Amino acid sequence: MLPDCFPPWGTVYHYFRLWQRTGLWVRLHRAAYALA
């Protein structure tokens, strides 16, 4: 269950899958790791 301040779960899931397919999560992880 998401907090009330988030959009509907379907919207959140859509963007999660989109970012997963485009490799955004990997790029974010690598960038954060490089800054650590």
PDB file of N, CA and C in Angstrom:
ATOM      1  N   MET A   1       0.844  -1.176   0.000  1.00  0.00           N
ATOM      2  CA  MET A   1       0.000   0.000   0.000  1.00  0.00           C
ATOM      3  C   MET A   1       0.893   1.245   0.000  1.00  0.00           C
ATOM      4  N   LEU A   2       0.549   2.182  -0.838  1.00  0.00           N
ATOM      5  CA  LEU A   2       1.312   3.424  -0.939  1.00  0.00           C
ATOM      6  C   LEU A   2       0.713   4.498  -0.036  1.00  0.00           C
ATOM      7  N   PRO A   3       1.545   5.434   0.413  1.00  0.00           N
ATOM      8  CA  PRO A   3       1.013   6.562   1.179  1.00  0.00           C
ATOM      9  C   PRO A   3       0.037   7.378   0.325  1.00  0.00           C
ATOM     10  N   ASP A   4      -0.829   8.107   0.979  1.00  0.00           N
ATOM     11  CA  ASP A   4      -1.846   8.904   0.277  1.00  0.00           C
ATOM     12  C   ASP A   4      -1.253   9.983  -0.620  1.00  0.00           C
ATOM     13  N   CYS A   5      -0.025  10.409  -0.333  1.00  0.00           N
ATOM     14  CA  CYS A   5       0.585  11.477  -1.131  1.00  0.00           C
ATOM     15  C   CYS A   5       1.108  10.963  -2.482  1.00  0.00           C
ATOM     16  N   PHE A   6       1.094   9.644  -2.706  1.00  0.00           N
ATOM     17  CA  PHE A   6       1.533   9.066  -3.970  1.00  0.00           C
ATOM     18  C   PHE A   6       0.356   8.979  -4.928  1.00  0.00           C
ATOM     19  N   PRO A   7       0.638   8.945  -6.234  1.00  0.00           N
ATOM     20  CA  PRO A   7      -0.445   8.727  -7.200  1.00  0.00           C
ATOM     21  C   PRO A   7      -0.950   7.281  -7.089  1.00  0.00           C
ATOM     22  N   PRO A   8      -1.984   6.924  -7.819  1.00  0.00           N
ATOM     23  CA  PRO A   8      -2.487   5.544  -7.784  1.00  0.00           C
ATOM     24  C   PRO A   8      -1.381   4.535  -8.111  1.00  0.00           C
ATOM     25  N   TRP A   9      -1.507   3.335  -7.543  1.00  0.00           N
ATOM     26  CA  TRP A   9      -0.442   2.340  -7.686  1.00  0.00           C
ATOM     27  C   TRP A   9      -0.169   2.011  -9.149  1.00  0.00           C
ATOM     28  N   GLY A  10      -1.176   2.040  -9.987  1.00  0.00           N
ATOM     29  CA  GLY A  10      -0.972   1.738 -11.404  1.00  0.00           C
ATOM     30  C   GLY A  10      -0.043   2.739 -12.073  1.00  0.00           C
ATOM     31  N   THR A  11      -0.141   3.988 -11.686  1.00  0.00           N
ATOM     32  CA  THR A  11       0.737   5.029 -12.223  1.00  0.00           C
ATOM     33  C   THR A  11       2.165   4.810 -11.749  1.00  0.00           C
ATOM     34  N   VAL A  12       2.311   4.528 -10.468  1.00  0.00           N
ATOM     35  CA  VAL A  12       3.639   4.275  -9.904  1.00  0.00           C
ATOM     36  C   VAL A  12       4.271   3.065 -10.585  1.00  0.00           C
ATOM     37  N   TYR A  13       3.496   2.000 -10.745  1.00  0.00           N
ATOM     38  CA  TYR A  13       4.006   0.781 -11.366  1.00  0.00           C
ATOM     39  C   TYR A  13       4.389   1.019 -12.827  1.00  0.00           C
ATOM     40  N   HIS A  14       3.582   1.794 -13.529  1.00  0.00           N
ATOM     41  CA  HIS A  14       3.885   2.119 -14.928  1.00  0.00           C
ATOM     42  C   HIS A  14       5.262   2.775 -15.042  1.00  0.00           C
ATOM     43  N   TYR A  15       5.519   3.779 -14.212  1.00  0.00           N
ATOM     44  CA  TYR A  15       6.804   4.465 -14.281  1.00  0.00           C
ATOM     45  C   TYR A  15       7.942   3.581 -13.804  1.00  0.00           C
ATOM     46  N   PHE A  16       7.702   2.764 -12.786  1.00  0.00           N
ATOM     47  CA  PHE A  16       8.728   1.827 -12.335  1.00  0.00           C
ATOM     48  C   PHE A  16       9.146   0.901 -13.470  1.00  0.00           C
ATOM     49  N   ARG A  17       8.172   0.312 -14.162  1.00  0.00           N
ATOM     50  CA  ARG A  17       8.477  -0.605 -15.269  1.00  0.00           C
ATOM     51  C   ARG A  17       9.158   0.129 -16.425  1.00  0.00           C
ATOM     52  N   LEU A  18       8.697   1.334 -16.718  1.00  0.00           N
ATOM     53  CA  LEU A  18       9.311   2.120 -17.785  1.00  0.00           C
ATOM     54  C   LEU A  18      10.774   2.389 -17.471  1.00  0.00           C
ATOM     55  N   TRP A  19      11.043   2.828 -16.248  1.00  0.00           N
ATOM     56  CA  TRP A  19      12.416   3.134 -15.854  1.00  0.00           C
ATOM     57  C   TRP A  19      13.263   1.870 -15.786  1.00  0.00           C
ATOM     58  N   GLN A  20      12.638   0.751 -15.456  1.00  0.00           N
ATOM     59  CA  GLN A  20      13.361  -0.516 -15.435  1.00  0.00           C
ATOM     60  C   GLN A  20      13.740  -0.927 -16.859  1.00  0.00           C
ATOM     61  N   ARG A  21      12.797  -0.822 -17.787  1.00  0.00           N
ATOM     62  CA  ARG A  21      13.058  -1.207 -19.182  1.00  0.00           C
ATOM     63  C   ARG A  21      14.094  -0.313 -19.849  1.00  0.00           C
ATOM     64  N   THR A  22      14.109   0.971 -19.511  1.00  0.00           N
ATOM     65  CA  THR A  22      15.035   1.903 -20.151  1.00  0.00           C
ATOM     66  C   THR A  22      16.401   1.941 -19.477  1.00  0.00           C
ATOM     67  N   GLY A  23      16.536   1.218 -18.358  1.00  0.00           N
ATOM     68  CA  GLY A  23      17.822   1.168 -17.674  1.00  0.00           C
ATOM     69  C   GLY A  23      18.082   2.333 -16.737  1.00  0.00           C
ATOM     70  N   LEU A  24      17.058   3.111 -16.441  1.00  0.00           N
ATOM     71  CA  LEU A  24      17.256   4.271 -15.573  1.00  0.00           C
ATOM     72  C   LEU A  24      17.711   3.862 -14.181  1.00  0.00           C
ATOM     73  N   TRP A  25      17.128   2.792 -13.621  1.00  0.00           N
ATOM     74  CA  TRP A  25      17.514   2.355 -12.269  1.00  0.00           C
ATOM     75  C   TRP A  25      18.994   2.003 -12.211  1.00  0.00           C
ATOM     76  N   VAL A  26      19.498   1.353 -13.249  1.00  0.00           N
ATOM     77  CA  VAL A  26      20.922   0.987 -13.288  1.00  0.00           C
ATOM     78  C   VAL A  26      21.780   2.242 -13.349  1.00  0.00           C
ATOM     79  N   ARG A  27      21.393   3.198 -14.170  1.00  0.00           N
ATOM     80  CA  ARG A  27      22.166   4.444 -14.275  1.00  0.00           C
ATOM     81  C   ARG A  27      22.151   5.221 -12.966  1.00  0.00           C
ATOM     82  N   LEU A  28      20.987   5.268 -12.301  1.00  0.00           N
ATOM     83  CA  LEU A  28      20.909   5.951 -11.008  1.00  0.00           C
ATOM     84  C   LEU A  28      21.790   5.268  -9.970  1.00  0.00           C
ATOM     85  N   HIS A  29      21.764   3.950  -9.946  1.00  0.00           N
ATOM     86  CA  HIS A  29      22.580   3.205  -8.989  1.00  0.00           C
ATOM     87  C   HIS A  29      24.061   3.459  -9.236  1.00  0.00           C
ATOM     88  N   ARG A  30      24.466   3.399 -10.488  1.00  0.00           N
ATOM     89  CA  ARG A  30      25.881   3.633 -10.812  1.00  0.00           C
ATOM     90  C   ARG A  30      26.312   5.046 -10.446  1.00  0.00           C
ATOM     91  N   ALA A  31      25.460   6.027 -10.707  1.00  0.00           N
ATOM     92  CA  ALA A  31      25.788   7.415 -10.374  1.00  0.00           C
ATOM     93  C   ALA A  31      25.895   7.597  -8.865  1.00  0.00           C
ATOM     94  N   ALA A  32      24.971   7.011  -8.114  1.00  0.00           N
ATOM     95  CA  ALA A  32      25.018   7.117  -6.652  1.00  0.00           C
ATOM     96  C   ALA A  32      26.255   6.415  -6.108  1.00  0.00           C
ATOM     97  N   TYR A  33      26.591   5.270  -6.674  1.00  0.00           N
ATOM     98  CA  TYR A  33      27.773   4.523  -6.236  1.00  0.00           C
ATOM     99  C   TYR A  33      29.042   5.328  -6.504  1.00  0.00           C
ATOM    100  N   ALA A  34      29.087   6.000  -7.643  1.00  0.00           N
ATOM    101  CA  ALA A  34      30.267   6.799  -7.993  1.00  0.00           C
ATOM    102  C   ALA A  34      30.441   7.984  -7.046  1.00  0.00           C
ATOM    103  N   LEU A  35      29.348   8.489  -6.496  1.00  0.00           N
ATOM    104  CA  LEU A  35      29.420   9.621  -5.572  1.00  0.00           C
ATOM    105  C   LEU A  35      29.785   9.199  -4.151  1.00  0.00           C
ATOM    106  N   ALA A  36      29.644   7.923  -3.857  1.00  0.00           N
ATOM    107  CA  ALA A  36      29.901   7.435  -2.484  1.00  0.00           C
ATOM    108  C   ALA A  36      31.386   7.318  -2.198  1.00  0.00           C
TER     109      ALA A  36
END
